[in-house]
Amino acid sequence: MRKGTLLKRTFLVFAIAMIIVGLAEANAQVKKMSIQELTDESTAILVGKCTGKQSAWNDKHNQIYTLVTIQAGQYVKGNLGAEAVITVPGGQVGDILYEVSDMPVFEEGEESLVFIWKHPSGKLLVTGAHHGKLRIVKDKKSGASSLQGGVLEFNPDAGKAIIPQSPSGDRQRIQLDDFIRTVKNYVKDK
């Protein structure tokens, strides 16, 4: 085998290995947390409605963050007042879009259950990144509320979070009241 061919193959194997390592690192940025861990590490857990979002540059003008205002409907743990303003890394200012992987996305008018922790800087952040924000969906027929996203399913008896799929391949939903009852039990245990 010629020296040039060997060098090219070595470089190719090295490049593929670096891509694989990079993908593994990218998928390991957010720690998977159980419902109990999310509850324990949160300052507050609220059910509320997103009433506003405002993206801005940080002081150094090298990162964009979004301030999300949530009107509290119910606190499952703690109390941050009638409104909580959560800081989420990423957002859009003008034509500049700054995306941060694994961060939750809030939509105005959307109802969510949100696990929140207070950073030493005083900023309120979502506990567990995208795992700590669960969208509330109301069934059009029954009016029952269920959760979607974040911790995708849980066993209320064991508090285990897993990704369920129905026989049709659709993700199942968690009943809001069952989830709140489980979280309140974790809060009581502390």
N, C-alpha and C. Protein backbone atom coordinates (compact mmCIF):
# COMPACT_ATOMS: atom_id res chain seq x y z
N MET A 1 0.85 -1.17 0.00
CA MET A 1 0.00 0.00 0.00
C MET A 1 0.90 1.24 0.00
N ARG A 2 0.56 2.20 -0.80
CA ARG A 2 1.37 3.41 -0.90
C ARG A 2 1.19 4.28 0.34
N LYS A 3 2.20 5.07 0.61
CA LYS A 3 2.22 5.93 1.80
C LYS A 3 1.06 6.93 1.78
N GLY A 4 0.75 7.50 0.63
CA GLY A 4 -0.34 8.48 0.50
C GLY A 4 -1.69 7.87 0.81
N THR A 5 -1.91 6.64 0.32
CA THR A 5 -3.18 5.95 0.55
C THR A 5 -3.33 5.61 2.04
N LEU A 6 -2.24 5.15 2.66
CA LEU A 6 -2.27 4.82 4.08
C LEU A 6 -2.57 6.07 4.91
N LEU A 7 -1.96 7.17 4.55
CA LEU A 7 -2.18 8.43 5.26
C LEU A 7 -3.63 8.88 5.13
N LYS A 8 -4.21 8.76 3.93
CA LYS A 8 -5.60 9.15 3.71
C LYS A 8 -6.55 8.27 4.53
N ARG A 9 -6.28 6.97 4.56
CA ARG A 9 -7.14 6.05 5.34
C ARG A 9 -7.04 6.34 6.83
N THR A 10 -5.82 6.59 7.29
CA THR A 10 -5.64 6.92 8.71
C THR A 10 -6.40 8.19 9.06
N PHE A 11 -6.30 9.19 8.20
CA PHE A 11 -7.02 10.45 8.44
C PHE A 11 -8.52 10.21 8.44
N LEU A 12 -9.02 9.40 7.50
CA LEU A 12 -10.45 9.10 7.41
C LEU A 12 -10.95 8.40 8.67
N VAL A 13 -10.21 7.41 9.16
CA VAL A 13 -10.59 6.70 10.38
C VAL A 13 -10.60 7.67 11.56
N PHE A 14 -9.59 8.53 11.64
CA PHE A 14 -9.51 9.52 12.71
C PHE A 14 -10.71 10.48 12.65
N ALA A 15 -11.04 10.95 11.45
CA ALA A 15 -12.16 11.89 11.28
C ALA A 15 -13.47 11.24 11.69
N ILE A 16 -13.69 9.99 11.30
CA ILE A 16 -14.92 9.29 11.67
C ILE A 16 -15.00 9.11 13.18
N ALA A 17 -13.87 8.76 13.80
CA ALA A 17 -13.84 8.60 15.27
C ALA A 17 -14.17 9.91 15.96
N MET A 18 -13.67 11.02 15.46
CA MET A 18 -13.95 12.32 16.07
C MET A 18 -15.43 12.69 15.93
N ILE A 19 -16.02 12.35 14.79
CA ILE A 19 -17.45 12.63 14.59
C ILE A 19 -18.27 11.82 15.58
N ILE A 20 -17.93 10.54 15.75
CA ILE A 20 -18.67 9.69 16.68
C ILE A 20 -18.53 10.21 18.11
N VAL A 21 -17.32 10.60 18.51
CA VAL A 21 -17.11 11.16 19.85
C VAL A 21 -17.91 12.44 20.01
N GLY A 22 -17.91 13.28 18.98
CA GLY A 22 -18.67 14.54 19.04
C GLY A 22 -20.15 14.30 19.20
N LEU A 23 -20.69 13.31 18.48
CA LEU A 23 -22.11 12.99 18.61
C LEU A 23 -22.43 12.48 20.01
N ALA A 24 -21.55 11.65 20.55
CA ALA A 24 -21.78 11.13 21.90
C ALA A 24 -21.77 12.28 22.90
N GLU A 25 -20.85 13.22 22.74
CA GLU A 25 -20.79 14.37 23.64
C GLU A 25 -22.04 15.23 23.51
N ALA A 26 -22.51 15.43 22.28
CA ALA A 26 -23.69 16.28 22.05
C ALA A 26 -24.93 15.68 22.71
N ASN A 27 -25.03 14.36 22.73
CA ASN A 27 -26.19 13.71 23.32
C ASN A 27 -26.09 13.60 24.84
N ALA A 28 -24.95 13.94 25.42
CA ALA A 28 -24.76 13.78 26.85
C ALA A 28 -24.78 15.11 27.59
N GLN A 29 -25.31 16.16 27.00
CA GLN A 29 -25.27 17.46 27.62
C GLN A 29 -26.28 17.61 28.76
N VAL A 30 -27.39 16.94 28.70
CA VAL A 30 -28.42 17.08 29.72
C VAL A 30 -28.53 15.78 30.50
N LYS A 31 -28.41 15.91 31.81
CA LYS A 31 -28.54 14.75 32.69
C LYS A 31 -29.99 14.31 32.72
N LYS A 32 -30.24 13.03 32.51
CA LYS A 32 -31.59 12.51 32.63
C LYS A 32 -31.93 12.47 34.11
N MET A 33 -33.09 13.02 34.45
CA MET A 33 -33.49 13.11 35.84
C MET A 33 -34.84 12.45 36.05
N SER A 34 -34.99 11.81 37.19
CA SER A 34 -36.29 11.24 37.56
C SER A 34 -37.19 12.37 38.04
N ILE A 35 -38.44 12.06 38.20
CA ILE A 35 -39.39 13.05 38.70
C ILE A 35 -38.98 13.49 40.10
N GLN A 36 -38.52 12.54 40.92
CA GLN A 36 -38.09 12.90 42.27
C GLN A 36 -36.87 13.82 42.22
N GLU A 37 -35.91 13.55 41.34
CA GLU A 37 -34.74 14.43 41.23
C GLU A 37 -35.14 15.82 40.75
N LEU A 38 -36.03 15.89 39.76
CA LEU A 38 -36.52 17.20 39.30
C LEU A 38 -37.19 17.95 40.44
N THR A 39 -38.00 17.23 41.22
CA THR A 39 -38.71 17.85 42.35
C THR A 39 -37.72 18.32 43.41
N ASP A 40 -36.78 17.46 43.78
CA ASP A 40 -35.82 17.80 44.84
C ASP A 40 -34.95 18.99 44.46
N GLU A 41 -34.55 19.09 43.20
CA GLU A 41 -33.63 20.14 42.78
C GLU A 41 -34.33 21.45 42.39
N SER A 42 -35.65 21.45 42.44
CA SER A 42 -36.40 22.65 42.06
C SER A 42 -36.74 23.52 43.26
N THR A 43 -36.62 24.82 43.06
CA THR A 43 -37.05 25.80 44.05
C THR A 43 -38.57 25.89 44.05
N ALA A 44 -39.13 25.81 42.84
CA ALA A 44 -40.59 25.90 42.67
C ALA A 44 -41.02 25.03 41.50
N ILE A 45 -42.25 24.58 41.57
CA ILE A 45 -42.88 23.84 40.47
C ILE A 45 -44.24 24.49 40.29
N LEU A 46 -44.49 24.98 39.07
CA LEU A 46 -45.75 25.68 38.85
C LEU A 46 -46.46 25.19 37.61
N VAL A 47 -47.76 25.36 37.66
CA VAL A 47 -48.63 25.14 36.51
C VAL A 47 -49.07 26.54 36.11
N GLY A 48 -48.82 26.91 34.86
CA GLY A 48 -49.18 28.26 34.46
C GLY A 48 -49.19 28.43 32.96
N LYS A 49 -49.43 29.68 32.57
CA LYS A 49 -49.58 30.03 31.15
C LYS A 49 -48.50 31.03 30.76
N CYS A 50 -47.86 30.77 29.62
CA CYS A 50 -46.85 31.69 29.10
C CYS A 50 -47.58 32.93 28.57
N THR A 51 -47.28 34.08 29.18
CA THR A 51 -47.94 35.32 28.77
C THR A 51 -47.03 36.26 27.99
N GLY A 52 -45.75 35.90 27.89
CA GLY A 52 -44.85 36.74 27.11
C GLY A 52 -43.44 36.18 27.03
N LYS A 53 -42.73 36.56 25.96
CA LYS A 53 -41.34 36.17 25.75
C LYS A 53 -40.60 37.37 25.19
N GLN A 54 -39.39 37.57 25.68
CA GLN A 54 -38.57 38.67 25.18
C GLN A 54 -37.12 38.19 25.11
N SER A 55 -36.55 38.20 23.91
CA SER A 55 -35.16 37.80 23.73
C SER A 55 -34.27 39.02 23.72
N ALA A 56 -33.04 38.86 24.25
CA ALA A 56 -32.09 39.97 24.32
C ALA A 56 -30.68 39.42 24.36
N TRP A 57 -29.72 40.29 24.01
CA TRP A 57 -28.30 39.94 24.11
C TRP A 57 -27.88 40.04 25.58
N ASN A 58 -26.87 39.27 25.96
CA ASN A 58 -26.28 39.44 27.29
C ASN A 58 -25.40 40.70 27.26
N ASP A 59 -24.82 41.05 28.41
CA ASP A 59 -24.00 42.26 28.51
C ASP A 59 -22.79 42.26 27.58
N LYS A 60 -22.20 41.09 27.36
CA LYS A 60 -21.01 40.99 26.49
C LYS A 60 -21.39 40.93 25.00
N HIS A 61 -22.67 40.84 24.72
CA HIS A 61 -23.17 40.77 23.35
C HIS A 61 -22.64 39.54 22.60
N ASN A 62 -22.48 38.41 23.35
CA ASN A 62 -22.02 37.18 22.71
C ASN A 62 -23.00 36.02 22.88
N GLN A 63 -24.09 36.24 23.59
CA GLN A 63 -25.12 35.22 23.75
C GLN A 63 -26.49 35.89 23.81
N ILE A 64 -27.48 35.14 23.35
CA ILE A 64 -28.86 35.61 23.42
C ILE A 64 -29.60 34.73 24.42
N TYR A 65 -30.43 35.34 25.21
CA TYR A 65 -31.28 34.61 26.14
C TYR A 65 -32.71 35.11 25.98
N THR A 66 -33.66 34.31 26.43
CA THR A 66 -35.07 34.68 26.34
C THR A 66 -35.67 34.71 27.75
N LEU A 67 -36.32 35.80 28.07
CA LEU A 67 -37.06 35.91 29.32
C LEU A 67 -38.50 35.48 29.04
N VAL A 68 -38.94 34.45 29.74
CA VAL A 68 -40.27 33.89 29.55
C VAL A 68 -41.10 34.21 30.79
N THR A 69 -42.23 34.87 30.60
CA THR A 69 -43.12 35.20 31.72
C THR A 69 -44.22 34.15 31.79
N ILE A 70 -44.33 33.54 32.96
CA ILE A 70 -45.36 32.53 33.20
C ILE A 70 -46.31 33.06 34.26
N GLN A 71 -47.58 33.15 33.93
CA GLN A 71 -48.61 33.53 34.90
C GLN A 71 -48.96 32.27 35.67
N ALA A 72 -48.72 32.30 36.96
CA ALA A 72 -48.92 31.11 37.79
C ALA A 72 -50.41 30.85 38.02
N GLY A 73 -50.82 29.63 37.77
CA GLY A 73 -52.18 29.22 38.07
C GLY A 73 -52.21 28.41 39.35
N GLN A 74 -51.14 27.63 39.57
CA GLN A 74 -51.06 26.76 40.74
C GLN A 74 -49.59 26.45 41.00
N TYR A 75 -49.21 26.47 42.26
CA TYR A 75 -47.87 26.03 42.65
C TYR A 75 -47.97 24.65 43.27
N VAL A 76 -47.13 23.74 42.79
CA VAL A 76 -47.05 22.40 43.35
C VAL A 76 -45.97 22.38 44.43
N LYS A 77 -44.97 23.25 44.28
CA LYS A 77 -43.89 23.42 45.26
C LYS A 77 -43.46 24.88 45.22
N GLY A 78 -43.16 25.45 46.38
CA GLY A 78 -42.67 26.81 46.45
C GLY A 78 -43.71 27.82 46.02
N ASN A 79 -43.27 29.09 45.93
CA ASN A 79 -44.16 30.15 45.47
C ASN A 79 -43.29 31.31 45.01
N LEU A 80 -43.42 31.68 43.75
CA LEU A 80 -42.66 32.78 43.17
C LEU A 80 -43.55 33.99 42.88
N GLY A 81 -44.77 33.95 43.37
CA GLY A 81 -45.69 35.06 43.15
C GLY A 81 -46.63 34.80 41.98
N ALA A 82 -47.36 35.83 41.60
CA ALA A 82 -48.37 35.71 40.54
C ALA A 82 -47.75 35.42 39.18
N GLU A 83 -46.52 35.90 38.98
CA GLU A 83 -45.80 35.65 37.73
C GLU A 83 -44.38 35.22 38.05
N ALA A 84 -43.85 34.36 37.20
CA ALA A 84 -42.44 33.97 37.29
C ALA A 84 -41.79 34.32 35.95
N VAL A 85 -40.64 34.95 36.01
CA VAL A 85 -39.90 35.28 34.79
C VAL A 85 -38.69 34.35 34.75
N ILE A 86 -38.71 33.44 33.79
CA ILE A 86 -37.69 32.40 33.65
C ILE A 86 -36.72 32.79 32.55
N THR A 87 -35.43 32.59 32.79
CA THR A 87 -34.41 32.85 31.79
C THR A 87 -34.09 31.54 31.07
N VAL A 88 -34.19 31.56 29.74
CA VAL A 88 -33.89 30.39 28.93
C VAL A 88 -32.77 30.77 27.95
N PRO A 89 -31.63 30.06 27.97
CA PRO A 89 -30.58 30.34 27.00
C PRO A 89 -31.09 30.15 25.57
N GLY A 90 -30.72 31.07 24.69
CA GLY A 90 -31.14 31.00 23.29
C GLY A 90 -32.27 31.96 23.00
N GLY A 91 -32.52 32.18 21.73
CA GLY A 91 -33.59 33.07 21.30
C GLY A 91 -33.23 33.77 20.01
N GLN A 92 -34.04 34.73 19.63
CA GLN A 92 -33.81 35.47 18.40
C GLN A 92 -33.93 36.96 18.65
N VAL A 93 -32.90 37.68 18.20
CA VAL A 93 -32.90 39.14 18.24
C VAL A 93 -32.66 39.61 16.82
N GLY A 94 -33.66 40.28 16.24
CA GLY A 94 -33.55 40.69 14.84
C GLY A 94 -33.40 39.48 13.94
N ASP A 95 -32.39 39.49 13.10
CA ASP A 95 -32.13 38.37 12.18
C ASP A 95 -31.23 37.30 12.79
N ILE A 96 -30.77 37.50 14.01
CA ILE A 96 -29.83 36.58 14.64
C ILE A 96 -30.59 35.58 15.50
N LEU A 97 -30.46 34.30 15.16
CA LEU A 97 -31.07 33.21 15.93
C LEU A 97 -29.96 32.48 16.65
N TYR A 98 -30.05 32.37 17.97
CA TYR A 98 -29.06 31.70 18.79
C TYR A 98 -29.76 30.51 19.43
N GLU A 99 -29.44 29.30 18.96
CA GLU A 99 -30.09 28.10 19.47
C GLU A 99 -29.17 27.38 20.44
N VAL A 100 -29.73 26.92 21.54
CA VAL A 100 -28.99 26.15 22.53
C VAL A 100 -29.70 24.80 22.64
N SER A 101 -28.97 23.74 22.36
CA SER A 101 -29.59 22.41 22.36
C SER A 101 -30.13 22.05 23.73
N ASP A 102 -31.17 21.28 23.73
CA ASP A 102 -31.80 20.73 24.93
C ASP A 102 -32.51 21.75 25.80
N MET A 103 -32.65 22.98 25.34
CA MET A 103 -33.38 23.97 26.12
C MET A 103 -34.87 23.90 25.79
N PRO A 104 -35.72 24.14 26.77
CA PRO A 104 -37.16 24.10 26.50
C PRO A 104 -37.58 25.29 25.64
N VAL A 105 -38.66 25.09 24.92
CA VAL A 105 -39.23 26.15 24.08
C VAL A 105 -40.62 26.45 24.63
N PHE A 106 -40.88 27.72 24.86
CA PHE A 106 -42.19 28.17 25.35
C PHE A 106 -42.89 28.94 24.24
N GLU A 107 -44.19 28.77 24.13
CA GLU A 107 -45.00 29.51 23.18
C GLU A 107 -46.01 30.36 23.95
N GLU A 108 -46.21 31.60 23.51
CA GLU A 108 -47.19 32.45 24.18
C GLU A 108 -48.57 31.80 24.12
N GLY A 109 -49.27 31.83 25.25
CA GLY A 109 -50.60 31.22 25.34
C GLY A 109 -50.57 29.76 25.76
N GLU A 110 -49.41 29.15 25.72
CA GLU A 110 -49.27 27.73 26.06
C GLU A 110 -49.29 27.54 27.58
N GLU A 111 -50.00 26.50 28.01
CA GLU A 111 -50.01 26.13 29.43
C GLU A 111 -48.99 25.03 29.65
N SER A 112 -48.25 25.12 30.77
CA SER A 112 -47.20 24.16 31.07
C SER A 112 -47.09 23.91 32.55
N LEU A 113 -46.50 22.78 32.89
CA LEU A 113 -46.03 22.52 34.23
C LEU A 113 -44.52 22.67 34.14
N VAL A 114 -43.93 23.52 34.99
CA VAL A 114 -42.51 23.85 34.87
C VAL A 114 -41.81 23.65 36.20
N PHE A 115 -40.70 22.91 36.16
CA PHE A 115 -39.80 22.75 37.30
C PHE A 115 -38.78 23.89 37.21
N ILE A 116 -38.64 24.68 38.28
CA ILE A 116 -37.79 25.88 38.25
C ILE A 116 -36.80 25.85 39.41
N TRP A 117 -35.57 26.24 39.12
CA TRP A 117 -34.58 26.40 40.19
C TRP A 117 -33.98 27.79 40.10
N LYS A 118 -33.59 28.30 41.28
CA LYS A 118 -33.02 29.64 41.35
C LYS A 118 -31.50 29.55 41.34
N HIS A 119 -30.90 30.10 40.30
CA HIS A 119 -29.45 30.13 40.14
C HIS A 119 -28.87 31.10 41.17
N PRO A 120 -27.62 30.90 41.60
CA PRO A 120 -27.01 31.84 42.56
C PRO A 120 -27.02 33.30 42.08
N SER A 121 -27.10 33.51 40.76
CA SER A 121 -27.17 34.89 40.23
C SER A 121 -28.53 35.52 40.47
N GLY A 122 -29.51 34.70 40.90
CA GLY A 122 -30.87 35.18 41.12
C GLY A 122 -31.81 34.87 39.97
N LYS A 123 -31.24 34.42 38.83
CA LYS A 123 -32.09 34.08 37.68
C LYS A 123 -32.85 32.78 37.95
N LEU A 124 -34.08 32.72 37.45
CA LEU A 124 -34.87 31.50 37.52
C LEU A 124 -34.64 30.73 36.23
N LEU A 125 -34.28 29.46 36.36
CA LEU A 125 -33.99 28.60 35.21
C LEU A 125 -34.86 27.35 35.28
N VAL A 126 -35.04 26.68 34.14
CA VAL A 126 -35.82 25.45 34.10
C VAL A 126 -34.91 24.31 34.58
N THR A 127 -35.35 23.59 35.59
CA THR A 127 -34.59 22.46 36.11
C THR A 127 -34.55 21.36 35.06
N GLY A 128 -33.37 20.81 34.80
CA GLY A 128 -33.27 19.67 33.89
C GLY A 128 -33.46 20.02 32.42
N ALA A 129 -33.28 21.30 32.06
CA ALA A 129 -33.41 21.75 30.66
C ALA A 129 -34.78 21.33 30.11
N HIS A 130 -34.82 20.70 28.94
CA HIS A 130 -36.12 20.39 28.32
C HIS A 130 -36.93 19.35 29.12
N HIS A 131 -36.27 18.59 30.01
CA HIS A 131 -37.01 17.62 30.83
C HIS A 131 -37.92 18.31 31.84
N GLY A 132 -37.59 19.55 32.21
CA GLY A 132 -38.31 20.24 33.27
C GLY A 132 -39.48 21.09 32.81
N LYS A 133 -39.85 20.99 31.55
CA LYS A 133 -41.00 21.75 31.04
C LYS A 133 -41.95 20.78 30.34
N LEU A 134 -43.15 20.67 30.85
CA LEU A 134 -44.13 19.76 30.28
C LEU A 134 -45.35 20.55 29.82
N ARG A 135 -45.69 20.43 28.56
CA ARG A 135 -46.82 21.16 28.00
C ARG A 135 -48.12 20.50 28.44
N ILE A 136 -49.11 21.31 28.78
CA ILE A 136 -50.42 20.81 29.19
C ILE A 136 -51.33 20.81 27.96
N VAL A 137 -51.95 19.66 27.74
CA VAL A 137 -52.86 19.49 26.60
C VAL A 137 -54.23 19.11 27.14
N LYS A 138 -55.27 19.79 26.67
CA LYS A 138 -56.64 19.46 27.11
C LYS A 138 -57.33 18.63 26.04
N ASP A 139 -57.94 17.54 26.48
CA ASP A 139 -58.70 16.69 25.59
C ASP A 139 -59.96 17.42 25.17
N LYS A 140 -60.21 17.51 23.87
CA LYS A 140 -61.36 18.27 23.37
C LYS A 140 -62.69 17.66 23.79
N LYS A 141 -62.74 16.34 23.91
CA LYS A 141 -64.00 15.69 24.28
C LYS A 141 -64.25 15.72 25.78
N SER A 142 -63.27 15.29 26.56
CA SER A 142 -63.48 15.16 28.00
C SER A 142 -63.09 16.40 28.79
N GLY A 143 -62.23 17.23 28.23
CA GLY A 143 -61.74 18.40 28.94
C GLY A 143 -60.62 18.08 29.92
N ALA A 144 -60.23 16.80 30.02
CA ALA A 144 -59.17 16.37 30.94
C ALA A 144 -57.82 16.91 30.47
N SER A 145 -57.00 17.30 31.43
CA SER A 145 -55.66 17.82 31.13
C SER A 145 -54.62 16.73 31.27
N SER A 146 -53.72 16.70 30.31
CA SER A 146 -52.61 15.76 30.37
C SER A 146 -51.33 16.49 30.00
N LEU A 147 -50.20 15.84 30.24
CA LEU A 147 -48.89 16.44 30.00
C LEU A 147 -48.22 15.82 28.79
N GLN A 148 -47.39 16.62 28.14
CA GLN A 148 -46.69 16.16 26.96
C GLN A 148 -45.30 16.79 26.97
N GLY A 149 -44.28 16.02 26.60
CA GLY A 149 -42.91 16.54 26.55
C GLY A 149 -42.18 16.29 27.85
N GLY A 150 -40.95 16.77 27.94
CA GLY A 150 -40.16 16.61 29.16
C GLY A 150 -40.07 15.17 29.59
N VAL A 151 -40.52 14.87 30.80
CA VAL A 151 -40.60 13.50 31.28
C VAL A 151 -41.81 12.91 30.57
N LEU A 152 -41.59 12.06 29.59
CA LEU A 152 -42.66 11.67 28.69
C LEU A 152 -43.68 10.70 29.27
N GLU A 153 -43.31 9.94 30.25
CA GLU A 153 -44.27 9.06 30.91
C GLU A 153 -43.74 8.76 32.30
N PHE A 154 -44.61 8.43 33.18
CA PHE A 154 -44.16 8.01 34.49
C PHE A 154 -45.12 6.98 35.04
N ASN A 155 -44.61 6.19 35.95
CA ASN A 155 -45.41 5.23 36.67
C ASN A 155 -45.74 5.89 38.00
N PRO A 156 -47.00 6.26 38.28
CA PRO A 156 -47.31 6.99 39.50
C PRO A 156 -46.96 6.23 40.77
N ASP A 157 -46.90 4.91 40.70
CA ASP A 157 -46.55 4.13 41.88
C ASP A 157 -45.05 4.13 42.14
N ALA A 158 -44.26 4.13 41.06
CA ALA A 158 -42.80 4.07 41.21
C ALA A 158 -42.13 5.40 40.91
N GLY A 159 -42.83 6.34 40.28
CA GLY A 159 -42.24 7.62 39.93
C GLY A 159 -41.16 7.51 38.86
N LYS A 160 -41.24 6.47 38.04
CA LYS A 160 -40.22 6.26 37.02
C LYS A 160 -40.60 6.96 35.73
N ALA A 161 -39.63 7.57 35.10
CA ALA A 161 -39.85 8.24 33.82
C ALA A 161 -39.31 7.37 32.70
N ILE A 162 -40.17 7.06 31.74
CA ILE A 162 -39.76 6.28 30.57
C ILE A 162 -40.46 6.85 29.35
N ILE A 163 -40.03 6.46 28.18
CA ILE A 163 -40.67 6.91 26.95
C ILE A 163 -41.64 5.83 26.48
N PRO A 164 -42.93 6.07 26.61
CA PRO A 164 -43.91 5.05 26.22
C PRO A 164 -44.31 5.18 24.76
N GLN A 165 -44.80 4.11 24.23
CA GLN A 165 -45.41 4.18 22.91
C GLN A 165 -46.61 3.26 22.91
N SER A 166 -47.68 3.73 22.32
CA SER A 166 -48.86 2.89 22.19
C SER A 166 -48.62 1.92 21.05
N PRO A 167 -49.48 0.92 20.88
CA PRO A 167 -49.31 -0.02 19.77
C PRO A 167 -49.24 0.68 18.41
N SER A 168 -49.87 1.84 18.27
CA SER A 168 -49.83 2.56 17.00
C SER A 168 -48.54 3.36 16.83
N GLY A 169 -47.70 3.40 17.88
CA GLY A 169 -46.44 4.13 17.80
C GLY A 169 -46.53 5.55 18.33
N ASP A 170 -47.74 5.99 18.73
CA ASP A 170 -47.89 7.33 19.27
C ASP A 170 -47.41 7.38 20.71
N ARG A 171 -46.88 8.52 21.11
CA ARG A 171 -46.50 8.69 22.51
C ARG A 171 -47.75 8.90 23.34
N GLN A 172 -47.77 8.28 24.50
CA GLN A 172 -48.90 8.41 25.40
C GLN A 172 -48.73 9.67 26.24
N ARG A 173 -49.78 10.06 26.89
CA ARG A 173 -49.76 11.26 27.73
C ARG A 173 -49.98 10.88 29.18
N ILE A 174 -49.55 11.78 30.07
CA ILE A 174 -49.68 11.61 31.51
C ILE A 174 -50.83 12.49 31.98
N GLN A 175 -51.70 11.98 32.80
CA GLN A 175 -52.78 12.79 33.36
C GLN A 175 -52.19 13.81 34.33
N LEU A 176 -52.54 15.08 34.17
CA LEU A 176 -51.99 16.16 34.98
C LEU A 176 -52.22 15.93 36.47
N ASP A 177 -53.43 15.59 36.85
CA ASP A 177 -53.75 15.40 38.27
C ASP A 177 -52.92 14.28 38.90
N ASP A 178 -52.72 13.17 38.17
CA ASP A 178 -51.91 12.07 38.68
C ASP A 178 -50.46 12.52 38.88
N PHE A 179 -49.95 13.27 37.93
CA PHE A 179 -48.57 13.73 38.00
C PHE A 179 -48.39 14.68 39.18
N ILE A 180 -49.31 15.62 39.35
CA ILE A 180 -49.23 16.58 40.46
C ILE A 180 -49.30 15.85 41.80
N ARG A 181 -50.16 14.86 41.90
CA ARG A 181 -50.28 14.09 43.14
C ARG A 181 -48.95 13.40 43.48
N THR A 182 -48.29 12.84 42.49
CA THR A 182 -47.01 12.18 42.70
C THR A 182 -45.94 13.19 43.13
N VAL A 183 -45.89 14.34 42.46
CA VAL A 183 -44.91 15.37 42.80
C VAL A 183 -45.15 15.88 44.22
N LYS A 184 -46.41 16.11 44.58
CA LYS A 184 -46.71 16.58 45.94
C LYS A 184 -46.27 15.57 47.00
N ASN A 185 -46.36 14.29 46.69
CA ASN A 185 -45.88 13.26 47.62
C ASN A 185 -44.36 13.37 47.81
N TYR A 186 -43.63 13.68 46.75
CA TYR A 186 -42.18 13.87 46.88
C TYR A 186 -41.87 15.10 47.71
N VAL A 187 -42.67 16.15 47.55
CA VAL A 187 -42.46 17.38 48.32
C VAL A 187 -42.70 17.11 49.80
N LYS A 188 -43.77 16.34 50.13
CA LYS A 188 -44.09 16.01 51.52
C LYS A 188 -42.99 15.21 52.18
N ASP A 189 -42.34 14.34 51.41
CA ASP A 189 -41.32 13.47 51.96
C ASP A 189 -40.07 14.21 52.40
N LYS A 190 -39.94 15.46 52.02
CA LYS A 190 -38.73 16.25 52.35
C LYS A 190 -38.90 17.00 53.63
